[in-house]
């Protein structure tokens, strides 16, 4: 198991135990150590949102969206965009990105 997977599993275990702040710290350490992938960023956004840090959640979700799109994981990106838009329904960039993804899906 890689270091990323071990620490991500640790964060998930903490979340199951409802140790949300501790899970955030583990996820943030992955970001700080430049080990974060899209799942880490998405989960960090979820945790920040749960802890009341809306700005931090949006920042993390935007990172996740970019990484999902880079890997052509369109459905995952759409799901995170929809979460972001719950907090920021007027986010022009998120609205445009989501509309573009949905238009591309119709065209293909």
PDB file of N, CA and C in Angstrom:
ATOM      1  N   UNK A   1       0.835  -1.181   0.000  1.00  0.00           N
ATOM      2  CA  UNK A   1       0.000   0.000   0.000  1.00  0.00           C
ATOM      3  C   UNK A   1       0.883   1.248   0.000  1.00  0.00           C
ATOM      4  N   UNK A   2       0.519   2.217  -0.804  1.00  0.00           N
ATOM      5  CA  UNK A   2       1.292   3.448  -0.870  1.00  0.00           C
ATOM      6  C   UNK A   2       1.007   4.335   0.336  1.00  0.00           C
ATOM      7  N   UNK A   3       1.910   5.276   0.555  1.00  0.00           N
ATOM      8  CA  UNK A   3       1.724   6.223   1.648  1.00  0.00           C
ATOM      9  C   UNK A   3       0.420   6.988   1.487  1.00  0.00           C
ATOM     10  N   UNK A   4       0.089   7.372   0.257  1.00  0.00           N
ATOM     11  CA  UNK A   4      -1.168   8.076  -0.004  1.00  0.00           C
ATOM     12  C   UNK A   4      -2.354   7.240   0.463  1.00  0.00           C
ATOM     13  N   UNK A   5      -2.399   5.994   0.073  1.00  0.00           N
ATOM     14  CA  UNK A   5      -3.530   5.133   0.433  1.00  0.00           C
ATOM     15  C   UNK A   5      -3.618   4.886   1.935  1.00  0.00           C
ATOM     16  N   UNK A   6      -2.481   4.722   2.577  1.00  0.00           N
ATOM     17  CA  UNK A   6      -2.468   4.490   4.022  1.00  0.00           C
ATOM     18  C   UNK A   6      -3.039   5.707   4.744  1.00  0.00           C
ATOM     19  N   UNK A   7      -2.570   6.894   4.374  1.00  0.00           N
ATOM     20  CA  UNK A   7      -3.035   8.100   5.056  1.00  0.00           C
ATOM     21  C   UNK A   7      -4.476   8.434   4.679  1.00  0.00           C
ATOM     22  N   UNK A   8      -4.872   8.166   3.447  1.00  0.00           N
ATOM     23  CA  UNK A   8      -6.258   8.393   3.054  1.00  0.00           C
ATOM     24  C   UNK A   8      -7.176   7.451   3.827  1.00  0.00           C
ATOM     25  N   UNK A   9      -6.769   6.202   3.985  1.00  0.00           N
ATOM     26  CA  UNK A   9      -7.554   5.261   4.779  1.00  0.00           C
ATOM     27  C   UNK A   9      -7.641   5.724   6.231  1.00  0.00           C
ATOM     28  N   UNK A  10      -6.550   6.280   6.753  1.00  0.00           N
ATOM     29  CA  UNK A  10      -6.565   6.822   8.110  1.00  0.00           C
ATOM     30  C   UNK A  10      -7.609   7.936   8.219  1.00  0.00           C
ATOM     31  N   UNK A  11      -7.659   8.810   7.213  1.00  0.00           N
ATOM     32  CA  UNK A  11      -8.647   9.901   7.215  1.00  0.00           C
ATOM     33  C   UNK A  11     -10.064   9.341   7.179  1.00  0.00           C
ATOM     34  N   UNK A  12     -10.303   8.338   6.330  1.00  0.00           N
ATOM     35  CA  UNK A  12     -11.635   7.735   6.251  1.00  0.00           C
ATOM     36  C   UNK A  12     -12.015   7.073   7.578  1.00  0.00           C
ATOM     37  N   UNK A  13     -11.050   6.412   8.210  1.00  0.00           N
ATOM     38  CA  UNK A  13     -11.316   5.792   9.509  1.00  0.00           C
ATOM     39  C   UNK A  13     -11.688   6.846  10.548  1.00  0.00           C
ATOM     40  N   UNK A  14     -10.983   7.961  10.545  1.00  0.00           N
ATOM     41  CA  UNK A  14     -11.302   9.056  11.463  1.00  0.00           C
ATOM     42  C   UNK A  14     -12.691   9.616  11.191  1.00  0.00           C
ATOM     43  N   UNK A  15     -13.053   9.729   9.924  1.00  0.00           N
ATOM     44  CA  UNK A  15     -14.387  10.225   9.580  1.00  0.00           C
ATOM     45  C   UNK A  15     -15.471   9.277  10.082  1.00  0.00           C
ATOM     46  N   UNK A  16     -15.233   7.969   9.946  1.00  0.00           N
ATOM     47  CA  UNK A  16     -16.203   6.991  10.440  1.00  0.00           C
ATOM     48  C   UNK A  16     -16.401   7.129  11.950  1.00  0.00           C
ATOM     49  N   UNK A  17     -15.339   7.512  12.643  1.00  0.00           N
ATOM     50  CA  UNK A  17     -15.405   7.700  14.091  1.00  0.00           C
ATOM     51  C   UNK A  17     -15.887   9.106  14.463  1.00  0.00           C
ATOM     52  N   UNK A  18     -16.216   9.883  13.446  1.00  0.00           N
ATOM     53  CA  UNK A  18     -16.683  11.265  13.607  1.00  0.00           C
ATOM     54  C   UNK A  18     -15.624  12.175  14.209  1.00  0.00           C
ATOM     55  N   UNK A  19     -14.373  11.899  13.901  1.00  0.00           N
ATOM     56  CA  UNK A  19     -13.250  12.761  14.290  1.00  0.00           C
ATOM     57  C   UNK A  19     -12.906  13.635  13.077  1.00  0.00           C
ATOM     58  N   UNK A  20     -13.827  14.538  12.779  1.00  0.00           N
ATOM     59  CA  UNK A  20     -13.757  15.304  11.538  1.00  0.00           C
ATOM     60  C   UNK A  20     -12.539  16.214  11.475  1.00  0.00           C
ATOM     61  N   UNK A  21     -12.242  16.919  12.530  1.00  0.00           N
ATOM     62  CA  UNK A  21     -11.093  17.834  12.528  1.00  0.00           C
ATOM     63  C   UNK A  21      -9.784  17.069  12.349  1.00  0.00           C
ATOM     64  N   UNK A  22      -9.684  15.909  12.985  1.00  0.00           N
ATOM     65  CA  UNK A  22      -8.473  15.103  12.835  1.00  0.00           C
ATOM     66  C   UNK A  22      -8.347  14.576  11.403  1.00  0.00           C
ATOM     67  N   UNK A  23      -9.465  14.190  10.816  1.00  0.00           N
ATOM     68  CA  UNK A  23      -9.457  13.738   9.417  1.00  0.00           C
ATOM     69  C   UNK A  23      -8.998  14.871   8.508  1.00  0.00           C
ATOM     70  N   UNK A  24      -9.502  16.092   8.782  1.00  0.00           N
ATOM     71  CA  UNK A  24      -9.074  17.249   7.996  1.00  0.00           C
ATOM     72  C   UNK A  24      -7.561  17.414   8.078  1.00  0.00           C
ATOM     73  N   UNK A  25      -7.003  17.250   9.256  1.00  0.00           N
ATOM     74  CA  UNK A  25      -5.560  17.410   9.427  1.00  0.00           C
ATOM     75  C   UNK A  25      -4.774  16.380   8.624  1.00  0.00           C
ATOM     76  N   UNK A  26      -5.250  15.151   8.593  1.00  0.00           N
ATOM     77  CA  UNK A  26      -4.582  14.109   7.805  1.00  0.00           C
ATOM     78  C   UNK A  26      -4.657  14.445   6.316  1.00  0.00           C
ATOM     79  N   UNK A  27      -5.840  14.841   5.865  1.00  0.00           N
ATOM     80  CA  UNK A  27      -6.002  15.200   4.452  1.00  0.00           C
ATOM     81  C   UNK A  27      -5.138  16.405   4.099  1.00  0.00           C
ATOM     82  N   UNK A  28      -5.108  17.396   4.978  1.00  0.00           N
ATOM     83  CA  UNK A  28      -4.287  18.585   4.727  1.00  0.00           C
ATOM     84  C   UNK A  28      -2.811  18.212   4.666  1.00  0.00           C
ATOM     85  N   UNK A  29      -2.397  17.241   5.466  1.00  0.00           N
ATOM     86  CA  UNK A  29      -0.993  16.816   5.429  1.00  0.00           C
ATOM     87  C   UNK A  29      -0.656  16.190   4.075  1.00  0.00           C
ATOM     88  N   UNK A  30      -1.611  15.495   3.477  1.00  0.00           N
ATOM     89  CA  UNK A  30      -1.394  14.940   2.136  1.00  0.00           C
ATOM     90  C   UNK A  30      -1.225  16.066   1.115  1.00  0.00           C
ATOM     91  N   UNK A  31      -2.027  17.107   1.250  1.00  0.00           N
ATOM     92  CA  UNK A  31      -1.894  18.269   0.369  1.00  0.00           C
ATOM     93  C   UNK A  31      -0.536  18.930   0.589  1.00  0.00           C
ATOM     94  N   UNK A  32      -0.189  19.155   1.840  1.00  0.00           N
ATOM     95  CA  UNK A  32       1.075  19.814   2.173  1.00  0.00           C
ATOM     96  C   UNK A  32       2.278  19.029   1.664  1.00  0.00           C
ATOM     97  N   UNK A  33       2.168  17.709   1.685  1.00  0.00           N
ATOM     98  CA  UNK A  33       3.257  16.841   1.218  1.00  0.00           C
ATOM     99  C   UNK A  33       3.200  16.589  -0.283  1.00  0.00           C
ATOM    100  N   UNK A  34       2.280  17.274  -0.959  1.00  0.00           N
ATOM    101  CA  UNK A  34       2.087  17.163  -2.408  1.00  0.00           C
ATOM    102  C   UNK A  34       1.789  15.730  -2.847  1.00  0.00           C
ATOM    103  N   UNK A  35       0.993  15.044  -2.040  1.00  0.00           N
ATOM    104  CA  UNK A  35       0.575  13.681  -2.355  1.00  0.00           C
ATOM    105  C   UNK A  35      -0.902  13.613  -2.741  1.00  0.00           C
ATOM    106  N   UNK A  36      -1.573  14.760  -2.725  1.00  0.00           N
ATOM    107  CA  UNK A  36      -3.024  14.773  -2.920  1.00  0.00           C
ATOM    108  C   UNK A  36      -3.409  14.473  -4.359  1.00  0.00           C
ATOM    109  N   UNK A  37      -4.425  13.635  -4.501  1.00  0.00           N
ATOM    110  CA  UNK A  37      -5.042  13.394  -5.803  1.00  0.00           C
ATOM    111  C   UNK A  37      -6.466  13.957  -5.731  1.00  0.00           C
ATOM    112  N   UNK A  38      -7.260  13.714  -6.750  1.00  0.00           N
ATOM    113  CA  UNK A  38      -8.609  14.273  -6.810  1.00  0.00           C
ATOM    114  C   UNK A  38      -9.476  13.801  -5.639  1.00  0.00           C
ATOM    115  N   UNK A  39      -9.334  12.552  -5.248  1.00  0.00           N
ATOM    116  CA  UNK A  39     -10.137  12.021  -4.138  1.00  0.00           C
ATOM    117  C   UNK A  39      -9.783  12.734  -2.832  1.00  0.00           C
ATOM    118  N   UNK A  40      -8.509  12.981  -2.622  1.00  0.00           N
ATOM    119  CA  UNK A  40      -8.080  13.693  -1.409  1.00  0.00           C
ATOM    120  C   UNK A  40      -8.677  15.095  -1.406  1.00  0.00           C
ATOM    121  N   UNK A  41      -8.563  15.804  -2.532  1.00  0.00           N
ATOM    122  CA  UNK A  41      -9.101  17.160  -2.600  1.00  0.00           C
ATOM    123  C   UNK A  41     -10.614  17.169  -2.411  1.00  0.00           C
ATOM    124  N   UNK A  42     -11.305  16.215  -3.046  1.00  0.00           N
ATOM    125  CA  UNK A  42     -12.761  16.163  -2.906  1.00  0.00           C
ATOM    126  C   UNK A  42     -13.154  15.904  -1.454  1.00  0.00           C
ATOM    127  N   UNK A  43     -12.493  14.952  -0.823  1.00  0.00           N
ATOM    128  CA  UNK A  43     -12.804  14.619   0.568  1.00  0.00           C
ATOM    129  C   UNK A  43     -12.456  15.784   1.489  1.00  0.00           C
ATOM    130  N   UNK A  44     -11.334  16.446   1.221  1.00  0.00           N
ATOM    131  CA  UNK A  44     -10.967  17.611   2.017  1.00  0.00           C
ATOM    132  C   UNK A  44     -12.041  18.695   1.897  1.00  0.00           C
ATOM    133  N   UNK A  45     -12.570  18.878   0.700  1.00  0.00           N
ATOM    134  CA  UNK A  45     -13.665  19.834   0.526  1.00  0.00           C
ATOM    135  C   UNK A  45     -14.882  19.442   1.343  1.00  0.00           C
ATOM    136  N   UNK A  46     -15.230  18.165   1.308  1.00  0.00           N
ATOM    137  CA  UNK A  46     -16.378  17.681   2.083  1.00  0.00           C
ATOM    138  C   UNK A  46     -16.174  17.926   3.577  1.00  0.00           C
ATOM    139  N   UNK A  47     -14.967  17.645   4.057  1.00  0.00           N
ATOM    140  CA  UNK A  47     -14.660  17.797   5.477  1.00  0.00           C
ATOM    141  C   UNK A  47     -14.668  19.277   5.864  1.00  0.00           C
ATOM    142  N   UNK A  48     -14.055  20.107   5.028  1.00  0.00           N
ATOM    143  CA  UNK A  48     -14.060  21.543   5.327  1.00  0.00           C
ATOM    144  C   UNK A  48     -15.498  22.070   5.376  1.00  0.00           C
ATOM    145  N   UNK A  49     -16.329  21.617   4.449  1.00  0.00           N
ATOM    146  CA  UNK A  49     -17.728  22.040   4.442  1.00  0.00           C
ATOM    147  C   UNK A  49     -18.415  21.612   5.738  1.00  0.00           C
ATOM    148  N   UNK A  50     -18.184  20.384   6.138  1.00  0.00           N
ATOM    149  CA  UNK A  50     -18.795  19.859   7.363  1.00  0.00           C
ATOM    150  C   UNK A  50     -18.355  20.659   8.591  1.00  0.00           C
ATOM    151  N   UNK A  51     -17.128  21.179   8.544  1.00  0.00           N
ATOM    152  CA  UNK A  51     -16.601  21.960   9.663  1.00  0.00           C
ATOM    153  C   UNK A  51     -16.955  23.441   9.565  1.00  0.00           C
ATOM    154  N   UNK A  52     -17.740  23.808   8.533  1.00  0.00           N
ATOM    155  CA  UNK A  52     -18.187  25.189   8.402  1.00  0.00           C
ATOM    156  C   UNK A  52     -17.249  26.106   7.649  1.00  0.00           C
ATOM    157  N   UNK A  53     -16.231  25.550   7.004  1.00  0.00           N
ATOM    158  CA  UNK A  53     -15.268  26.341   6.236  1.00  0.00           C
ATOM    159  C   UNK A  53     -15.675  26.329   4.762  1.00  0.00           C
ATOM    160  N   UNK A  54     -16.656  27.160   4.420  1.00  0.00           N
ATOM    161  CA  UNK A  54     -17.184  27.183   3.051  1.00  0.00           C
ATOM    162  C   UNK A  54     -16.131  27.566   2.029  1.00  0.00           C
ATOM    163  N   UNK A  55     -15.347  28.583   2.329  1.00  0.00           N
ATOM    164  CA  UNK A  55     -14.317  29.032   1.387  1.00  0.00           C
ATOM    165  C   UNK A  55     -13.288  27.933   1.150  1.00  0.00           C
ATOM    166  N   UNK A  56     -12.871  27.287   2.229  1.00  0.00           N
ATOM    167  CA  UNK A  56     -11.914  26.187   2.111  1.00  0.00           C
ATOM    168  C   UNK A  56     -12.481  25.021   1.334  1.00  0.00           C
ATOM    169  N   UNK A  57     -13.769  24.752   1.530  1.00  0.00           N
ATOM    170  CA  UNK A  57     -14.425  23.667   0.800  1.00  0.00           C
ATOM    171  C   UNK A  57     -14.425  23.959  -0.688  1.00  0.00           C
ATOM    172  N   UNK A  58     -14.805  25.166  -1.055  1.00  0.00           N
ATOM    173  CA  UNK A  58     -14.855  25.541  -2.471  1.00  0.00           C
ATOM    174  C   UNK A  58     -13.458  25.451  -3.090  1.00  0.00           C
ATOM    175  N   UNK A  59     -12.458  25.926  -2.375  1.00  0.00           N
ATOM    176  CA  UNK A  59     -11.073  25.863  -2.867  1.00  0.00           C
ATOM    177  C   UNK A  59     -10.665  24.412  -3.139  1.00  0.00           C
ATOM    178  N   UNK A  60     -10.947  23.524  -2.196  1.00  0.00           N
ATOM    179  CA  UNK A  60     -10.576  22.116  -2.353  1.00  0.00           C
ATOM    180  C   UNK A  60     -11.357  21.468  -3.485  1.00  0.00           C
ATOM    181  N   UNK A  61     -12.648  21.751  -3.567  1.00  0.00           N
ATOM    182  CA  UNK A  61     -13.452  21.153  -4.641  1.00  0.00           C
ATOM    183  C   UNK A  61     -12.987  21.615  -6.011  1.00  0.00           C
ATOM    184  N   UNK A  62     -12.549  22.864  -6.129  1.00  0.00           N
ATOM    185  CA  UNK A  62     -12.040  23.342  -7.423  1.00  0.00           C
ATOM    186  C   UNK A  62     -10.784  22.570  -7.827  1.00  0.00           C
ATOM    187  N   UNK A  63      -9.947  22.267  -6.862  1.00  0.00           N
ATOM    188  CA  UNK A  63      -8.757  21.449  -7.154  1.00  0.00           C
ATOM    189  C   UNK A  63      -9.187  20.059  -7.623  1.00  0.00           C
ATOM    190  N   UNK A  64     -10.164  19.471  -6.940  1.00  0.00           N
ATOM    191  CA  UNK A  64     -10.656  18.141  -7.319  1.00  0.00           C
ATOM    192  C   UNK A  64     -11.232  18.166  -8.730  1.00  0.00           C
ATOM    193  N   UNK A  65     -12.025  19.180  -9.027  1.00  0.00           N
ATOM    194  CA  UNK A  65     -12.638  19.287 -10.355  1.00  0.00           C
ATOM    195  C   UNK A  65     -11.566  19.325 -11.433  1.00  0.00           C
ATOM    196  N   UNK A  66     -10.558  20.167 -11.241  1.00  0.00           N
ATOM    197  CA  UNK A  66      -9.476  20.273 -12.227  1.00  0.00           C
ATOM    198  C   UNK A  66      -8.783  18.931 -12.442  1.00  0.00           C
ATOM    199  N   UNK A  67      -8.531  18.218 -11.347  1.00  0.00           N
ATOM    200  CA  UNK A  67      -7.856  16.922 -11.468  1.00  0.00           C
ATOM    201  C   UNK A  67      -8.753  15.877 -12.122  1.00  0.00           C
ATOM    202  N   UNK A  68     -10.036  15.866 -11.784  1.00  0.00           N
ATOM    203  CA  UNK A  68     -10.959  14.927 -12.438  1.00  0.00           C
ATOM    204  C   UNK A  68     -11.050  15.222 -13.935  1.00  0.00           C
ATOM    205  N   UNK A  69     -11.144  16.478 -14.292  1.00  0.00           N
ATOM    206  CA  UNK A  69     -11.226  16.828 -15.717  1.00  0.00           C
ATOM    207  C   UNK A  69      -9.953  16.450 -16.449  1.00  0.00           C
ATOM    208  N   UNK A  70      -8.806  16.636 -15.821  1.00  0.00           N
ATOM    209  CA  UNK A  70      -7.533  16.267 -16.444  1.00  0.00           C
ATOM    210  C   UNK A  70      -7.470  14.767 -16.718  1.00  0.00           C
ATOM    211  N   UNK A  71      -8.174  13.976 -15.912  1.00  0.00           N
ATOM    212  CA  UNK A  71      -8.200  12.516 -16.093  1.00  0.00           C
ATOM    213  C   UNK A  71      -9.432  12.053 -16.867  1.00  0.00           C
ATOM    214  N   UNK A  72     -10.187  13.021 -17.414  1.00  0.00           N
ATOM    215  CA  UNK A  72     -11.397  12.723 -18.178  1.00  0.00           C
ATOM    216  C   UNK A  72     -12.454  11.996 -17.356  1.00  0.00           C
ATOM    217  N   UNK A  73     -12.502  12.281 -16.077  1.00  0.00           N
ATOM    218  CA  UNK A  73     -13.502  11.691 -15.174  1.00  0.00           C
ATOM    219  C   UNK A  73     -14.649  12.694 -15.055  1.00  0.00           C
ATOM    220  N   UNK A  74     -15.411  12.803 -16.127  1.00  0.00           N
ATOM    221  CA  UNK A  74     -16.415  13.856 -16.288  1.00  0.00           C
ATOM    222  C   UNK A  74     -17.530  13.751 -15.246  1.00  0.00           C
ATOM    223  N   UNK A  75     -18.050  12.568 -15.033  1.00  0.00           N
ATOM    224  CA  UNK A  75     -19.150  12.402 -14.064  1.00  0.00           C
ATOM    225  C   UNK A  75     -18.714  12.799 -12.659  1.00  0.00           C
ATOM    226  N   UNK A  76     -17.498  12.434 -12.284  1.00  0.00           N
ATOM    227  CA  UNK A  76     -16.990  12.822 -10.959  1.00  0.00           C
ATOM    228  C   UNK A  76     -16.861  14.337 -10.873  1.00  0.00           C
ATOM    229  N   UNK A  77     -16.338  14.956 -11.935  1.00  0.00           N
ATOM    230  CA  UNK A  77     -16.205  16.417 -11.962  1.00  0.00           C
ATOM    231  C   UNK A  77     -17.580  17.077 -11.852  1.00  0.00           C
ATOM    232  N   UNK A  78     -18.558  16.548 -12.571  1.00  0.00           N
ATOM    233  CA  UNK A  78     -19.914  17.103 -12.507  1.00  0.00           C
ATOM    234  C   UNK A  78     -20.478  17.022 -11.087  1.00  0.00           C
ATOM    235  N   UNK A  79     -20.263  15.910 -10.433  1.00  0.00           N
ATOM    236  CA  UNK A  79     -20.764  15.738  -9.069  1.00  0.00           C
ATOM    237  C   UNK A  79     -20.160  16.752  -8.112  1.00  0.00           C
ATOM    238  N   UNK A  80     -18.864  16.989  -8.230  1.00  0.00           N
ATOM    239  CA  UNK A  80     -18.203  17.954  -7.355  1.00  0.00           C
ATOM    240  C   UNK A  80     -18.657  19.376  -7.709  1.00  0.00           C
ATOM    241  N   UNK A  81     -18.832  19.650  -8.999  1.00  0.00           N
ATOM    242  CA  UNK A  81     -19.347  20.961  -9.401  1.00  0.00           C
ATOM    243  C   UNK A  81     -20.715  21.222  -8.784  1.00  0.00           C
ATOM    244  N   UNK A  82     -21.553  20.212  -8.758  1.00  0.00           N
ATOM    245  CA  UNK A  82     -22.880  20.375  -8.173  1.00  0.00           C
ATOM    246  C   UNK A  82     -22.801  20.653  -6.670  1.00  0.00           C
ATOM    247  N   UNK A  83     -21.860  20.014  -5.973  1.00  0.00           N
ATOM    248  CA  UNK A  83     -21.654  20.317  -4.554  1.00  0.00           C
ATOM    249  C   UNK A  83     -21.218  21.768  -4.375  1.00  0.00           C
ATOM    250  N   UNK A  84     -20.269  22.178  -5.197  1.00  0.00           N
ATOM    251  CA  UNK A  84     -19.763  23.542  -5.126  1.00  0.00           C
ATOM    252  C   UNK A  84     -20.889  24.549  -5.337  1.00  0.00           C
ATOM    253  N   UNK A  85     -21.764  24.247  -6.287  1.00  0.00           N
ATOM    254  CA  UNK A  85     -22.850  25.174  -6.605  1.00  0.00           C
ATOM    255  C   UNK A  85     -23.920  25.245  -5.512  1.00  0.00           C
ATOM    256  N   UNK A  86     -23.962  24.263  -4.644  1.00  0.00           N
ATOM    257  CA  UNK A  86     -24.860  24.354  -3.493  1.00  0.00           C
ATOM    258  C   UNK A  86     -24.385  25.483  -2.584  1.00  0.00           C
ATOM    259  N   UNK A  87     -23.072  25.563  -2.392  1.00  0.00           N
ATOM    260  CA  UNK A  87     -22.522  26.623  -1.541  1.00  0.00           C
ATOM    261  C   UNK A  87     -22.451  27.967  -2.256  1.00  0.00           C
ATOM    262  N   UNK A  88     -22.168  27.907  -3.542  1.00  0.00           N
ATOM    263  CA  UNK A  88     -22.007  29.130  -4.329  1.00  0.00           C
ATOM    264  C   UNK A  88     -22.841  29.043  -5.601  1.00  0.00           C
ATOM    265  N   UNK A  89     -24.136  29.214  -5.502  1.00  0.00           N
ATOM    266  CA  UNK A  89     -25.012  29.038  -6.667  1.00  0.00           C
ATOM    267  C   UNK A  89     -24.761  30.036  -7.794  1.00  0.00           C
ATOM    268  N   UNK A  90     -24.092  31.142  -7.503  1.00  0.00           N
ATOM    269  CA  UNK A  90     -23.819  32.146  -8.526  1.00  0.00           C
ATOM    270  C   UNK A  90     -22.377  32.114  -9.024  1.00  0.00           C
ATOM    271  N   UNK A  91     -21.640  31.046  -8.729  1.00  0.00           N
ATOM    272  CA  UNK A  91     -20.245  30.948  -9.176  1.00  0.00           C
ATOM    273  C   UNK A  91     -20.223  30.794 -10.701  1.00  0.00           C
ATOM    274  N   UNK A  92     -19.866  31.877 -11.372  1.00  0.00           N
ATOM    275  CA  UNK A  92     -19.931  31.934 -12.836  1.00  0.00           C
ATOM    276  C   UNK A  92     -19.043  30.879 -13.478  1.00  0.00           C
ATOM    277  N   UNK A  93     -17.834  30.705 -12.960  1.00  0.00           N
ATOM    278  CA  UNK A  93     -16.917  29.719 -13.542  1.00  0.00           C
ATOM    279  C   UNK A  93     -17.467  28.299 -13.398  1.00  0.00           C
ATOM    280  N   UNK A  94     -17.989  27.976 -12.223  1.00  0.00           N
ATOM    281  CA  UNK A  94     -18.538  26.639 -12.000  1.00  0.00           C
ATOM    282  C   UNK A  94     -19.765  26.401 -12.873  1.00  0.00           C
ATOM    283  N   UNK A  95     -20.630  27.414 -12.974  1.00  0.00           N
ATOM    284  CA  UNK A  95     -21.811  27.283 -13.841  1.00  0.00           C
ATOM    285  C   UNK A  95     -21.420  27.060 -15.295  1.00  0.00           C
ATOM    286  N   UNK A  96     -20.434  27.811 -15.751  1.00  0.00           N
ATOM    287  CA  UNK A  96     -19.990  27.680 -17.147  1.00  0.00           C
ATOM    288  C   UNK A  96     -19.347  26.310 -17.392  1.00  0.00           C
ATOM    289  N   UNK A  97     -18.537  25.865 -16.456  1.00  0.00           N
ATOM    290  CA  UNK A  97     -17.890  24.556 -16.609  1.00  0.00           C
ATOM    291  C   UNK A  97     -18.926  23.447 -16.646  1.00  0.00           C
ATOM    292  N   UNK A  98     -19.893  23.495 -15.737  1.00  0.00           N
ATOM    293  CA  UNK A  98     -20.933  22.470 -15.697  1.00  0.00           C
ATOM    294  C   UNK A  98     -21.772  22.499 -16.974  1.00  0.00           C
ATOM    295  N   UNK A  99     -22.134  23.684 -17.434  1.00  0.00           N
ATOM    296  CA  UNK A  99     -22.908  23.795 -18.677  1.00  0.00           C
ATOM    297  C   UNK A  99     -22.122  23.239 -19.854  1.00  0.00           C
ATOM    298  N   UNK A 100     -20.825  23.515 -19.896  1.00  0.00           N
ATOM    299  CA  UNK A 100     -19.979  22.995 -20.973  1.00  0.00           C
ATOM    300  C   UNK A 100     -19.889  21.475 -20.948  1.00  0.00           C
ATOM    301  N   UNK A 101     -19.781  20.911 -19.757  1.00  0.00           N
ATOM    302  CA  UNK A 101     -19.722  19.453 -19.648  1.00  0.00           C
ATOM    303  C   UNK A 101     -21.031  18.806 -20.075  1.00  0.00           C
ATOM    304  N   UNK A 102     -22.131  19.405 -19.666  1.00  0.00           N
ATOM    305  CA  UNK A 102     -23.430  18.850 -20.035  1.00  0.00           C
ATOM    306  C   UNK A 102     -23.672  18.988 -21.542  1.00  0.00           C
ATOM    307  N   UNK A 103     -23.225  20.100 -22.134  1.00  0.00           N
ATOM    308  CA  UNK A 103     -23.375  20.294 -23.585  1.00  0.00           C
ATOM    309  C   UNK A 103     -22.519  19.270 -24.341  1.00  0.00           C
ATOM    310  N   UNK A 104     -21.317  19.005 -23.831  1.00  0.00           N
ATOM    311  CA  UNK A 104     -20.446  18.013 -24.468  1.00  0.00           C
ATOM    312  C   UNK A 104     -21.044  16.628 -24.416  1.00  0.00           C
ATOM    313  N   UNK A 105     -21.716  16.329 -23.315  1.00  0.00           N
ATOM    314  CA  UNK A 105     -22.345  15.014 -23.171  1.00  0.00           C
ATOM    315  C   UNK A 105     -23.483  14.851 -24.177  1.00  0.00           C
ATOM    316  N   UNK A 106     -24.199  15.931 -24.451  1.00  0.00           N
ATOM    317  CA  UNK A 106     -25.307  15.885 -25.418  1.00  0.00           C
ATOM    318  C   UNK A 106     -24.764  15.708 -26.831  1.00  0.00           C
ATOM    319  N   UNK A 107     -23.639  16.380 -27.123  1.00  0.00           N
ATOM    320  CA  UNK A 107     -23.043  16.320 -28.456  1.00  0.00           C
ATOM    321  C   UNK A 107     -22.436  14.967 -28.764  1.00  0.00           C
ATOM    322  N   UNK A 108     -22.019  14.223 -27.750  1.00  0.00           N
ATOM    323  CA  UNK A 108     -21.317  12.958 -28.019  1.00  0.00           C
ATOM    324  C   UNK A 108     -22.220  11.781 -28.121  1.00  0.00           C
TER     325      UNK A 108
END
